[in-house]
Every structure is written in C-alpha cells, then in structure tokens.
C-alpha atoms as a PDB file:
ATOM      1  CA  UNK A   1      73.416  54.339-131.010  1.00  0.00           C
ATOM      2  CA  UNK A   2      76.236  56.876-131.023  1.00  0.00           C
ATOM      3  CA  UNK A   3      76.414  59.291-133.972  1.00  0.00           C
ATOM      4  CA  UNK A   4      80.124  59.652-134.728  1.00  0.00           C
ATOM      5  CA  UNK A   5      80.082  62.737-136.919  1.00  0.00           C
ATOM      6  CA  UNK A   6      77.897  65.488-138.342  1.00  0.00           C
ATOM      7  CA  UNK A   7      78.429  63.949-141.799  1.00  0.00           C
ATOM      8  CA  UNK A   8      76.935  60.636-140.612  1.00  0.00           C
ATOM      9  CA  UNK A   9      73.987  62.532-139.155  1.00  0.00           C
ATOM     10  CA  UNK A  10      73.477  64.431-142.416  1.00  0.00           C
ATOM     11  CA  UNK A  11      73.528  61.218-144.471  1.00  0.00           C
ATOM     12  CA  UNK A  12      71.014  59.557-142.140  1.00  0.00           C
ATOM     13  CA  UNK A  13      68.741  62.612-142.223  1.00  0.00           C
ATOM     14  CA  UNK A  14      68.862  62.773-146.030  1.00  0.00           C
ATOM     15  CA  UNK A  15      68.057  59.058-146.261  1.00  0.00           C
ATOM     16  CA  UNK A  16      65.110  59.391-143.879  1.00  0.00           C
ATOM     17  CA  UNK A  17      63.781  62.439-145.689  1.00  0.00           C
ATOM     18  CA  UNK A  18      64.028  60.773-149.076  1.00  0.00           C
ATOM     19  CA  UNK A  19      61.745  57.988-147.823  1.00  0.00           C
ATOM     20  CA  UNK A  20      58.913  60.406-147.046  1.00  0.00           C
ATOM     21  CA  UNK A  21      59.433  63.109-149.671  1.00  0.00           C
ATOM     22  CA  UNK A  22      58.958  63.115-153.408  1.00  0.00           C
ATOM     23  CA  UNK A  23      61.881  62.084-155.584  1.00  0.00           C
ATOM     24  CA  UNK A  24      64.832  64.495-155.367  1.00  0.00           C
ATOM     25  CA  UNK A  25      65.641  66.815-158.244  1.00  0.00           C
ATOM     26  CA  UNK A  26      69.148  67.828-159.207  1.00  0.00           C
ATOM     27  CA  UNK A  27      70.491  70.972-160.764  1.00  0.00           C
ATOM     28  CA  UNK A  28      73.278  73.417-161.423  1.00  0.00           C
ATOM     29  CA  UNK A  29      73.719  77.047-160.497  1.00  0.00           C
ATOM     30  CA  UNK A  30      75.710  79.983-161.786  1.00  0.00           C
ATOM     31  CA  UNK A  31      76.828  82.520-159.185  1.00  0.00           C
ATOM     32  CA  UNK A  32      78.223  86.036-158.946  1.00  0.00           C
ATOM     33  CA  UNK A  33      79.959  86.809-155.637  1.00  0.00           C
ATOM     34  CA  UNK A  34      80.378  90.418-154.542  1.00  0.00           C
ATOM     35  CA  UNK A  35      83.078  90.467-151.832  1.00  0.00           C
ATOM     36  CA  UNK A  36      82.368  92.308-148.587  1.00  0.00           C
ATOM     37  CA  UNK A  37      84.471  93.349-145.591  1.00  0.00           C
ATOM     38  CA  UNK A  38      88.031  92.025-145.427  1.00  0.00           C
ATOM     39  CA  UNK A  39      87.624  89.889-148.540  1.00  0.00           C
ATOM     40  CA  UNK A  40      86.622  93.025-150.458  1.00  0.00           C
ATOM     41  CA  UNK A  41      89.912  94.669-149.480  1.00  0.00           C
ATOM     42  CA  UNK A  42      91.930  91.518-150.305  1.00  0.00           C
ATOM     43  CA  UNK A  43      90.592  91.240-153.879  1.00  0.00           C
ATOM     44  CA  UNK A  44      90.206  95.007-154.459  1.00  0.00           C
ATOM     45  CA  UNK A  45      86.381  94.796-154.658  1.00  0.00           C
ATOM     46  CA  UNK A  46      86.468  92.550-157.741  1.00  0.00           C
ATOM     47  CA  UNK A  47      83.383  90.301-158.017  1.00  0.00           C
ATOM     48  CA  UNK A  48      83.995  86.628-158.602  1.00  0.00           C
ATOM     49  CA  UNK A  49      82.129  84.025-160.643  1.00  0.00           C
ATOM     50  CA  UNK A  50      81.019  80.701-159.216  1.00  0.00           C
ATOM     51  CA  UNK A  51      79.352  77.451-160.235  1.00  0.00           C
ATOM     52  CA  UNK A  52      77.682  74.707-158.294  1.00  0.00           C
ATOM     53  CA  UNK A  53      75.590  71.574-158.220  1.00  0.00           C
ATOM     54  CA  UNK A  54      72.726  70.769-155.884  1.00  0.00           C
ATOM     55  CA  UNK A  55      69.927  68.382-155.078  1.00  0.00           C
ATOM     56  CA  UNK A  56      66.516  69.356-153.741  1.00  0.00           C
ATOM     57  CA  UNK A  57      64.332  67.331-151.409  1.00  0.00           C
ATOM     58  CA  UNK A  58      60.756  68.641-151.282  1.00  0.00           C
ATOM     59  CA  UNK A  59      59.369  67.821-147.835  1.00  0.00           C
ATOM     60  CA  UNK A  60      55.914  69.220-148.575  1.00  0.00           C
ATOM     61  CA  UNK A  61      54.011  72.231-147.219  1.00  0.00           C
ATOM     62  CA  UNK A  62      56.674  74.648-148.543  1.00  0.00           C
ATOM     63  CA  UNK A  63      59.658  73.031-146.794  1.00  0.00           C
ATOM     64  CA  UNK A  64      62.688  71.937-148.818  1.00  0.00           C
ATOM     65  CA  UNK A  65      66.258  70.784-148.133  1.00  0.00           C
ATOM     66  CA  UNK A  66      69.037  71.476-150.620  1.00  0.00           C
ATOM     67  CA  UNK A  67      72.512  69.905-150.287  1.00  0.00           C
ATOM     68  CA  UNK A  68      74.984  71.807-152.466  1.00  0.00           C
ATOM     69  CA  UNK A  69      78.580  71.967-153.661  1.00  0.00           C
ATOM     70  CA  UNK A  70      79.842  75.384-154.859  1.00  0.00           C
ATOM     71  CA  UNK A  71      83.128  76.644-156.293  1.00  0.00           C
ATOM     72  CA  UNK A  72      83.892  80.378-156.500  1.00  0.00           C
ATOM     73  CA  UNK A  73      86.929  82.293-157.740  1.00  0.00           C
ATOM     74  CA  UNK A  74      87.804  85.898-156.994  1.00  0.00           C
ATOM     75  CA  UNK A  75      89.962  87.409-159.769  1.00  0.00           C
ATOM     76  CA  UNK A  76      93.503  88.525-159.193  1.00  0.00           C
ATOM     77  CA  UNK A  77      93.807  92.028-157.745  1.00  0.00           C
ATOM     78  CA  UNK A  78      96.940  94.122-158.331  1.00  0.00           C
ATOM     79  CA  UNK A  79      98.410  96.460-155.742  1.00  0.00           C
ATOM     80  CA  UNK A  80     101.527  97.751-157.490  1.00  0.00           C
ATOM     81  CA  UNK A  81     103.780  94.715-157.965  1.00  0.00           C
ATOM     82  CA  UNK A  82     101.739  92.702-155.430  1.00  0.00           C
ATOM     83  CA  UNK A  83      98.989  90.419-156.775  1.00  0.00           C
ATOM     84  CA  UNK A  84      96.328  88.707-154.636  1.00  0.00           C
ATOM     85  CA  UNK A  85      93.582  86.207-155.422  1.00  0.00           C
ATOM     86  CA  UNK A  86      91.197  83.924-153.536  1.00  0.00           C
ATOM     87  CA  UNK A  87      88.939  80.933-154.204  1.00  0.00           C
ATOM     88  CA  UNK A  88      86.651  78.717-152.170  1.00  0.00           C
ATOM     89  CA  UNK A  89      85.028  75.300-152.391  1.00  0.00           C
ATOM     90  CA  UNK A  90      82.019  74.787-150.133  1.00  0.00           C
ATOM     91  CA  UNK A  91      79.975  71.721-149.259  1.00  0.00           C
ATOM     92  CA  UNK A  92      76.811  72.310-147.309  1.00  0.00           C
ATOM     93  CA  UNK A  93      73.088  72.347-147.116  1.00  0.00           C
ATOM     94  CA  UNK A  94      70.273  74.875-147.141  1.00  0.00           C
ATOM     95  CA  UNK A  95      66.778  74.908-145.726  1.00  0.00           C
ATOM     96  CA  UNK A  96      64.220  76.643-147.944  1.00  0.00           C
ATOM     97  CA  UNK A  97      60.751  77.767-146.913  1.00  0.00           C
ATOM     98  CA  UNK A  98      58.345  78.707-149.703  1.00  0.00           C
ATOM     99  CA  UNK A  99      55.843  81.353-148.610  1.00  0.00           C
ATOM    100  CA  UNK A 100      53.039  79.913-150.804  1.00  0.00           C
ATOM    101  CA  UNK A 101      53.357  76.478-149.152  1.00  0.00           C
ATOM    102  CA  UNK A 102      54.469  74.769-152.382  1.00  0.00           C
ATOM    103  CA  UNK A 103      57.826  74.782-154.226  1.00  0.00           C
ATOM    104  CA  UNK A 104      57.188  77.845-156.355  1.00  0.00           C
ATOM    105  CA  UNK A 105      57.311  81.593-155.922  1.00  0.00           C
ATOM    106  CA  UNK A 106      59.032  83.495-153.117  1.00  0.00           C
ATOM    107  CA  UNK A 107      61.119  81.664-150.498  1.00  0.00           C
ATOM    108  CA  UNK A 108      63.554  82.370-147.680  1.00  0.00           C
ATOM    109  CA  UNK A 109      66.643  80.284-147.089  1.00  0.00           C
ATOM    110  CA  UNK A 110      69.300  79.630-144.480  1.00  0.00           C
ATOM    111  CA  UNK A 111      72.320  77.387-144.812  1.00  0.00           C
ATOM    112  CA  UNK A 112      75.424  75.922-143.262  1.00  0.00           C
ATOM    113  CA  UNK A 113      78.581  74.758-145.073  1.00  0.00           C
ATOM    114  CA  UNK A 114      82.165  73.655-144.674  1.00  0.00           C
ATOM    115  CA  UNK A 115      84.267  76.033-146.791  1.00  0.00           C
ATOM    116  CA  UNK A 116      87.796  75.354-148.051  1.00  0.00           C
ATOM    117  CA  UNK A 117      89.470  78.718-148.675  1.00  0.00           C
ATOM    118  CA  UNK A 118      92.698  79.385-150.562  1.00  0.00           C
ATOM    119  CA  UNK A 119      94.371  82.807-150.581  1.00  0.00           C
ATOM    120  CA  UNK A 120      97.368  83.622-152.758  1.00  0.00           C
ATOM    121  CA  UNK A 121      99.697  86.611-152.593  1.00  0.00           C
ATOM    122  CA  UNK A 122     102.584  86.960-155.021  1.00  0.00           C
ATOM    123  CA  UNK A 123     105.118  89.473-156.233  1.00  0.00           C
ATOM    124  CA  UNK A 124     108.030  89.290-158.656  1.00  0.00           C
ATOM    125  CA  UNK A 125     110.115  87.227-156.209  1.00  0.00           C
ATOM    126  CA  UNK A 126     107.788  85.044-154.175  1.00  0.00           C
ATOM    127  CA  UNK A 127     104.388  83.437-153.881  1.00  0.00           C
ATOM    128  CA  UNK A 128     102.600  82.713-150.602  1.00  0.00           C
ATOM    129  CA  UNK A 129      99.503  80.523-150.445  1.00  0.00           C
ATOM    130  CA  UNK A 130      97.357  80.095-147.330  1.00  0.00           C
ATOM    131  CA  UNK A 131      94.687  77.399-147.152  1.00  0.00           C
ATOM    132  CA  UNK A 132      92.123  76.917-144.406  1.00  0.00           C
ATOM    133  CA  UNK A 133      88.817  75.158-143.832  1.00  0.00           C
ATOM    134  CA  UNK A 134      86.127  77.095-141.990  1.00  0.00           C
ATOM    135  CA  UNK A 135      82.420  77.097-141.269  1.00  0.00           C
ATOM    136  CA  UNK A 136      80.203  79.157-143.560  1.00  0.00           C
ATOM    137  CA  UNK A 137      76.721  80.508-142.869  1.00  0.00           C
ATOM    138  CA  UNK A 138      74.237  81.856-145.396  1.00  0.00           C
ATOM    139  CA  UNK A 139      70.832  83.546-145.392  1.00  0.00           C
ATOM    140  CA  UNK A 140      68.806  84.916-148.247  1.00  0.00           C
ATOM    141  CA  UNK A 141      65.703  85.115-150.384  1.00  0.00           C
ATOM    142  CA  UNK A 142      64.846  83.592-153.718  1.00  0.00           C
ATOM    143  CA  UNK A 143      62.146  83.184-156.297  1.00  0.00           C
ATOM    144  CA  UNK A 144      61.320  79.926-158.080  1.00  0.00           C
ATOM    145  CA  UNK A 145      59.949  81.110-161.444  1.00  0.00           C
ATOM    146  CA  UNK A 146      58.829  77.655-162.598  1.00  0.00           C
ATOM    147  CA  UNK A 147      59.750  74.012-161.925  1.00  0.00           C
ATOM    148  CA  UNK A 148      63.082  74.506-163.705  1.00  0.00           C
ATOM    149  CA  UNK A 149      64.412  78.070-163.143  1.00  0.00           C
ATOM    150  CA  UNK A 150      64.989  79.989-159.924  1.00  0.00           C
ATOM    151  CA  UNK A 151      66.970  83.037-158.772  1.00  0.00           C
ATOM    152  CA  UNK A 152      68.431  83.776-155.356  1.00  0.00           C
ATOM    153  CA  UNK A 153      70.248  86.460-153.380  1.00  0.00           C
ATOM    154  CA  UNK A 154      72.228  85.325-150.300  1.00  0.00           C
ATOM    155  CA  UNK A 155      74.544  86.818-147.727  1.00  0.00           C
ATOM    156  CA  UNK A 156      77.420  84.387-147.114  1.00  0.00           C
ATOM    157  CA  UNK A 157      79.521  84.662-143.934  1.00  0.00           C
ATOM    158  CA  UNK A 158      82.816  82.873-143.264  1.00  0.00           C
ATOM    159  CA  UNK A 159      85.210  83.957-140.511  1.00  0.00           C
ATOM    160  CA  UNK A 160      88.760  83.070-141.532  1.00  0.00           C
ATOM    161  CA  UNK A 161      90.477  84.257-138.369  1.00  0.00           C
ATOM    162  CA  UNK A 162      90.144  86.907-135.715  1.00  0.00           C
ATOM    163  CA  UNK A 163      90.988  89.768-138.041  1.00  0.00           C
ATOM    164  CA  UNK A 164      89.613  88.520-141.374  1.00  0.00           C
ATOM    165  CA  UNK A 165      86.071  87.760-142.541  1.00  0.00           C
ATOM    166  CA  UNK A 166      85.474  86.370-146.036  1.00  0.00           C
ATOM    167  CA  UNK A 167      81.898  87.570-146.506  1.00  0.00           C
ATOM    168  CA  UNK A 168      80.098  87.995-149.811  1.00  0.00           C
ATOM    169  CA  UNK A 169      76.783  88.908-151.328  1.00  0.00           C
ATOM    170  CA  UNK A 170      75.944  86.066-153.719  1.00  0.00           C
ATOM    171  CA  UNK A 171      73.468  86.278-156.615  1.00  0.00           C
ATOM    172  CA  UNK A 172      72.611  83.093-158.447  1.00  0.00           C
ATOM    173  CA  UNK A 173      70.493  81.444-161.094  1.00  0.00           C
ATOM    174  CA  UNK A 174      69.608  77.782-160.628  1.00  0.00           C
ATOM    175  CA  UNK A 175      68.441  75.293-163.226  1.00  0.00           C
ATOM    176  CA  UNK A 176      66.786  72.063-161.993  1.00  0.00           C
ATOM    177  CA  UNK A 177      66.375  68.919-164.041  1.00  0.00           C
END
C-alpha cells in the first residue's frame, strides 16, 4: 500500500493509536509568544497572544500524542510612519513524555507543525502583505498540575527564508475537558 501524503499517515497513526489507548481528551490553551531573532526585530520585541485547541491521546507508560491547532498574533510595531505586524496559524502534533510514567507532573515535549505565516508592512501610502507556509519545530517542558490544568514552556522554530527566522519562546496554560 502506498502512503500518498504525510497527512494520510498522520490520520492512520491517530486511528491506530486510538484503538489501543484510552479515550482522547480535548482542550484549549492560552499562549503568550515572546518573539526571538528576526521576528523580534520585525515586531519590535512586542509579545503576542495566542489561543489553540488540542486533543490528547494517552498511550500509557508516560507517552502521549497531542495534535493541536494554534493561532498567534504579534501586535503592530511602529517604526516612524512604518507599521509592521505578523500572525501565524499552525497545525501540528506534539509528543509528550511524562517523567513519572503517568500523565501527571513534569514532562518534556517535541513537536512538528505546518505554519501559515502572514507579515504586513504599511505606511501612509501603501500596504504590503507577505504570506508563506513553512515547517515549524518545537521543544519544551511542561507540568501537568492535575487532570485538567497544565502549563508549558516551548521554544518554537520556523525558518521563513534564508535571512529570516520566525522563532519564539511560547508560554502556555492548557485546560483539558
């Protein structure tokens, strides 16, 4: 059987995992993104809020998969008469490993996402918008306080082009239902 796309593979993997794992849980997260590198210069170091939704698939023995959809906005930065802003929409998945071997307490995470970026630059006479879709990588640590509330700190990397990285330090609070 030929797998025609990574999305097909992801759907098949999620279906297989759901057959052997406990029922998935769903949730929402609130995020604060602190821009780093080139993105920091583009938005004049202004942090941006974000929101997201996710599902969690507990695979047992401290292993968990988390598909997620996040939206983040970086506020408009002013450089004289020039104004710049950025936003991103990412769809991806994370692997979580809980140190205690069960889905509570300290965990480490790594993730992969497809990120749709939009950058806008405007002045009194014109507006230029650039959109691109790129790969995003993330790594971090978190703490699951109880079955419902968790916190996380992640480094998010997304290379826009040869001379521009849209990296951020992301802090979040997640609520699971």
